[in-house]
Structure formats: C-alpha cells, structure tokens
C-alpha cells in the first residue's frame, strides 16, 4: 500500500509524530511518502532534545521513505 502523510505545522511534537508514524508504516512494509508543506519545511530547525525530529527524519529516509518538500 502506498501512503502519503502531509504535514503543515511548525509544532515540534506534531512533526515528531508524523515521522514516527512514517517509520512505523515503513516497518510494516508500506511505501510511505511524507509531504512537508508551509512551516513544516523547516523541520530541521524545530528538532529539540524532547522531540528529536532530525533523528527520525534520517531513519525515515535511510529506510527508503520518500520525503517531499
């Protein structure tokens, strides 16, 4: 199944959950795309110690997830 998640937020917790969901779906052998729109394009700057978005984004792309912005 091909899944696309769309994020349009600058809230660190929301973006963290989008990448968590994407990684979980990849583990289940789905094809997953994450489309970042608007303020979510700056996800790297929104990564914090509490919400390590960069680590999840790296895992997502290394696991053959497609990141679109």
C-alpha atoms as a PDB file:
ATOM      1  CA  UNK A   1       0.000   0.000   0.000  1.00  0.00           C
ATOM      2  CA  UNK A   2       1.231   3.490  -0.810  1.00  0.00           C
ATOM      3  CA  UNK A   3       0.659   6.053   1.974  1.00  0.00           C
ATOM      4  CA  UNK A   4       1.259   9.810   1.914  1.00  0.00           C
ATOM      5  CA  UNK A   5       1.400  11.805   5.139  1.00  0.00           C
ATOM      6  CA  UNK A   6       1.021  15.577   4.806  1.00  0.00           C
ATOM      7  CA  UNK A   7       2.384  17.931   7.468  1.00  0.00           C
ATOM      8  CA  UNK A   8       1.719  21.662   7.592  1.00  0.00           C
ATOM      9  CA  UNK A   9       2.755  22.727  11.072  1.00  0.00           C
ATOM     10  CA  UNK A  10       5.696  24.239  12.892  1.00  0.00           C
ATOM     11  CA  UNK A  11       4.814  22.346  16.073  1.00  0.00           C
ATOM     12  CA  UNK A  12       7.732  20.055  17.014  1.00  0.00           C
ATOM     13  CA  UNK A  13       5.511  17.432  18.621  1.00  0.00           C
ATOM     14  CA  UNK A  14       3.270  17.144  15.568  1.00  0.00           C
ATOM     15  CA  UNK A  15       6.210  16.756  13.184  1.00  0.00           C
ATOM     16  CA  UNK A  16       7.846  14.244  15.510  1.00  0.00           C
ATOM     17  CA  UNK A  17       4.654  12.179  15.421  1.00  0.00           C
ATOM     18  CA  UNK A  18       4.433  12.406  11.623  1.00  0.00           C
ATOM     19  CA  UNK A  19       7.940  10.941  11.291  1.00  0.00           C
ATOM     20  CA  UNK A  20       7.217   8.323  13.973  1.00  0.00           C
ATOM     21  CA  UNK A  21       4.104   7.231  12.077  1.00  0.00           C
ATOM     22  CA  UNK A  22       6.019   7.163   8.802  1.00  0.00           C
ATOM     23  CA  UNK A  23       8.747   4.983  10.300  1.00  0.00           C
ATOM     24  CA  UNK A  24       6.188   2.634  11.828  1.00  0.00           C
ATOM     25  CA  UNK A  25       4.468   2.240   8.464  1.00  0.00           C
ATOM     26  CA  UNK A  26       7.795   1.533   6.763  1.00  0.00           C
ATOM     27  CA  UNK A  27       8.409  -1.267   9.281  1.00  0.00           C
ATOM     28  CA  UNK A  28       5.086  -2.781   8.166  1.00  0.00           C
ATOM     29  CA  UNK A  29       6.413  -2.836   4.569  1.00  0.00           C
ATOM     30  CA  UNK A  30       4.245   0.004   3.234  1.00  0.00           C
ATOM     31  CA  UNK A  31       5.509   2.572   0.736  1.00  0.00           C
ATOM     32  CA  UNK A  32       5.449   5.871   2.595  1.00  0.00           C
ATOM     33  CA  UNK A  33       5.827   9.486   1.455  1.00  0.00           C
ATOM     34  CA  UNK A  34       5.911  12.470   3.773  1.00  0.00           C
ATOM     35  CA  UNK A  35       4.987  15.779   2.167  1.00  0.00           C
ATOM     36  CA  UNK A  36       6.104  18.831   4.139  1.00  0.00           C
ATOM     37  CA  UNK A  37       4.128  21.974   3.380  1.00  0.00           C
ATOM     38  CA  UNK A  38       4.430  25.541   4.634  1.00  0.00           C
ATOM     39  CA  UNK A  39       6.114  25.919   8.028  1.00  0.00           C
ATOM     40  CA  UNK A  40       6.850  22.186   8.326  1.00  0.00           C
ATOM     41  CA  UNK A  41       9.591  22.549   5.684  1.00  0.00           C
ATOM     42  CA  UNK A  42      11.794  23.946   8.490  1.00  0.00           C
ATOM     43  CA  UNK A  43      11.582  20.649  10.426  1.00  0.00           C
ATOM     44  CA  UNK A  44      15.360  20.567  10.985  1.00  0.00           C
ATOM     45  CA  UNK A  45      15.258  23.843  12.930  1.00  0.00           C
ATOM     46  CA  UNK A  46      12.331  22.550  15.006  1.00  0.00           C
ATOM     47  CA  UNK A  47      14.159  19.465  16.285  1.00  0.00           C
ATOM     48  CA  UNK A  48      14.660  19.540  20.063  1.00  0.00           C
ATOM     49  CA  UNK A  49      16.019  17.221  22.721  1.00  0.00           C
ATOM     50  CA  UNK A  50      12.459  16.281  23.676  1.00  0.00           C
ATOM     51  CA  UNK A  51      11.382  15.804  20.026  1.00  0.00           C
ATOM     52  CA  UNK A  52      14.416  14.620  18.002  1.00  0.00           C
ATOM     53  CA  UNK A  53      12.868  15.138  14.577  1.00  0.00           C
ATOM     54  CA  UNK A  54      16.216  15.017  12.766  1.00  0.00           C
ATOM     55  CA  UNK A  55      16.958  11.505  14.020  1.00  0.00           C
ATOM     56  CA  UNK A  56      13.551  10.248  12.901  1.00  0.00           C
ATOM     57  CA  UNK A  57      13.859  12.009   9.523  1.00  0.00           C
ATOM     58  CA  UNK A  58      17.247  10.398   8.942  1.00  0.00           C
ATOM     59  CA  UNK A  59      15.881   6.958   9.820  1.00  0.00           C
ATOM     60  CA  UNK A  60      12.900   7.574   7.544  1.00  0.00           C
ATOM     61  CA  UNK A  61      14.993   8.427   4.506  1.00  0.00           C
ATOM     62  CA  UNK A  62      17.522   5.634   5.142  1.00  0.00           C
ATOM     63  CA  UNK A  63      14.602   3.185   5.345  1.00  0.00           C
ATOM     64  CA  UNK A  64      13.527   4.125   1.797  1.00  0.00           C
ATOM     65  CA  UNK A  65      10.829   6.566   2.829  1.00  0.00           C
ATOM     66  CA  UNK A  66      10.303   9.460   0.420  1.00  0.00           C
ATOM     67  CA  UNK A  67      10.493  12.964   1.866  1.00  0.00           C
ATOM     68  CA  UNK A  68       8.975  15.718  -0.273  1.00  0.00           C
ATOM     69  CA  UNK A  69       9.013  19.427   0.468  1.00  0.00           C
END
